[in-house]
Amino acid sequence: MKKSYKIEVDCANCANKMEDAARRTEGVKDAVVNFMTLKMNVEFNEGSDPKAVMQEVRKNCKKVEDDCEIYL
């Protein structure tokens, strides 16, 4: 399953950090952050609960970039 989320981030480097953090989150098959459109596209592993996984993605992203936001 793939979903798209609106994000708020200050720079392209921060967007890359968010992308890496999202990809390392359990339940995420792939994640792509587009700084220009301020969107994060996430592909979830089969059987994963997107809501629960995205809570973890948000936590992991806040660890690397504390002023970022993901609108769930």
C-alpha atoms as a PDB file:
ATOM      1  CA  MET A   1       0.000   0.000   0.000  1.00  0.00           C
ATOM      2  CA  LYS A   2       1.231   3.487  -0.857  1.00  0.00           C
ATOM      3  CA  LYS A   3       0.165   6.743   0.767  1.00  0.00           C
ATOM      4  CA  SER A   4       1.149  10.376   0.393  1.00  0.00           C
ATOM      5  CA  TYR A   5       1.534  12.811   3.304  1.00  0.00           C
ATOM      6  CA  LYS A   6       1.965  16.572   3.422  1.00  0.00           C
ATOM      7  CA  ILE A   7       5.110  17.574   5.278  1.00  0.00           C
ATOM      8  CA  GLU A   8       6.721  20.747   6.552  1.00  0.00           C
ATOM      9  CA  VAL A   9      10.506  20.967   6.404  1.00  0.00           C
ATOM     10  CA  ASP A  10      12.944  23.885   6.078  1.00  0.00           C
ATOM     11  CA  CYS A  11      15.568  22.662   3.610  1.00  0.00           C
ATOM     12  CA  ALA A  12      16.428  19.944   1.106  1.00  0.00           C
ATOM     13  CA  ASN A  13      19.093  18.484   3.396  1.00  0.00           C
ATOM     14  CA  CYS A  14      16.529  18.121   6.169  1.00  0.00           C
ATOM     15  CA  ALA A  15      14.147  16.466   3.703  1.00  0.00           C
ATOM     16  CA  ASN A  16      16.877  13.917   2.893  1.00  0.00           C
ATOM     17  CA  LYS A  17      17.326  13.199   6.610  1.00  0.00           C
ATOM     18  CA  MET A  18      13.569  12.652   6.940  1.00  0.00           C
ATOM     19  CA  GLU A  19      13.585  10.298   3.954  1.00  0.00           C
ATOM     20  CA  ASP A  20      16.403   8.221   5.458  1.00  0.00           C
ATOM     21  CA  ALA A  21      14.686   8.080   8.856  1.00  0.00           C
ATOM     22  CA  ALA A  22      11.398   7.002   7.258  1.00  0.00           C
ATOM     23  CA  ARG A  23      13.100   4.276   5.217  1.00  0.00           C
ATOM     24  CA  ARG A  24      14.715   2.835   8.364  1.00  0.00           C
ATOM     25  CA  THR A  25      11.355   2.579  10.159  1.00  0.00           C
ATOM     26  CA  GLU A  26       9.968  -0.918  10.608  1.00  0.00           C
ATOM     27  CA  GLY A  27       6.939  -1.483   8.356  1.00  0.00           C
ATOM     28  CA  VAL A  28       8.142   0.906   5.637  1.00  0.00           C
ATOM     29  CA  LYS A  29       9.085  -0.696   2.334  1.00  0.00           C
ATOM     30  CA  ASP A  30      10.144   2.587   0.720  1.00  0.00           C
ATOM     31  CA  ALA A  31       9.826   6.319   1.335  1.00  0.00           C
ATOM     32  CA  VAL A  32      10.466   9.304  -0.911  1.00  0.00           C
ATOM     33  CA  VAL A  33      10.444  12.920   0.262  1.00  0.00           C
ATOM     34  CA  ASN A  34      10.001  15.663  -2.313  1.00  0.00           C
ATOM     35  CA  PHE A  35      11.197  18.977  -0.891  1.00  0.00           C
ATOM     36  CA  MET A  36       9.771  21.016  -3.779  1.00  0.00           C
ATOM     37  CA  THR A  37       6.192  19.754  -3.294  1.00  0.00           C
ATOM     38  CA  LEU A  38       6.552  19.164   0.485  1.00  0.00           C
ATOM     39  CA  LYS A  39       5.223  15.624   0.200  1.00  0.00           C
ATOM     40  CA  MET A  40       6.324  12.286   1.565  1.00  0.00           C
ATOM     41  CA  ASN A  41       5.287   9.192  -0.362  1.00  0.00           C
ATOM     42  CA  VAL A  42       5.440   6.035   1.730  1.00  0.00           C
ATOM     43  CA  GLU A  43       5.072   2.437   0.604  1.00  0.00           C
ATOM     44  CA  PHE A  44       4.210   0.112   3.473  1.00  0.00           C
ATOM     45  CA  ASN A  45       5.172  -3.535   3.918  1.00  0.00           C
ATOM     46  CA  GLU A  46       2.333  -5.951   3.357  1.00  0.00           C
ATOM     47  CA  GLY A  47       0.338  -6.502   6.540  1.00  0.00           C
ATOM     48  CA  SER A  48       1.558  -3.269   8.181  1.00  0.00           C
ATOM     49  CA  ASP A  49      -0.851  -0.834   9.824  1.00  0.00           C
ATOM     50  CA  PRO A  50      -0.145   2.518   8.087  1.00  0.00           C
ATOM     51  CA  LYS A  51      -1.413   4.595  11.028  1.00  0.00           C
ATOM     52  CA  ALA A  52       0.817   2.844  13.556  1.00  0.00           C
ATOM     53  CA  VAL A  53       3.808   2.836  11.206  1.00  0.00           C
ATOM     54  CA  MET A  54       3.423   6.559  10.480  1.00  0.00           C
ATOM     55  CA  GLN A  55       3.466   7.345  14.206  1.00  0.00           C
ATOM     56  CA  GLU A  56       6.889   5.676  14.325  1.00  0.00           C
ATOM     57  CA  VAL A  57       7.995   7.449  11.136  1.00  0.00           C
ATOM     58  CA  ARG A  58       7.052  10.781  12.731  1.00  0.00           C
ATOM     59  CA  LYS A  59       9.019   9.950  15.897  1.00  0.00           C
ATOM     60  CA  ASN A  60      12.078   8.884  13.881  1.00  0.00           C
ATOM     61  CA  CYS A  61      11.944  11.994  11.703  1.00  0.00           C
ATOM     62  CA  LYS A  62      11.686  14.241  14.769  1.00  0.00           C
ATOM     63  CA  LYS A  63      14.871  12.628  16.120  1.00  0.00           C
ATOM     64  CA  VAL A  64      16.893  13.733  13.088  1.00  0.00           C
ATOM     65  CA  GLU A  65      15.046  16.995  12.373  1.00  0.00           C
ATOM     66  CA  ASP A  66      13.095  18.218  15.387  1.00  0.00           C
ATOM     67  CA  ASP A  67      11.288  21.094  13.656  1.00  0.00           C
ATOM     68  CA  CYS A  68       9.861  18.978  10.804  1.00  0.00           C
ATOM     69  CA  GLU A  69       6.203  17.989  10.644  1.00  0.00           C
ATOM     70  CA  ILE A  70       4.264  15.205   8.954  1.00  0.00           C
ATOM     71  CA  TYR A  71       0.514  15.754   8.665  1.00  0.00           C
ATOM     72  CA  LEU A  72      -1.172  12.405   9.229  1.00  0.00           C
END
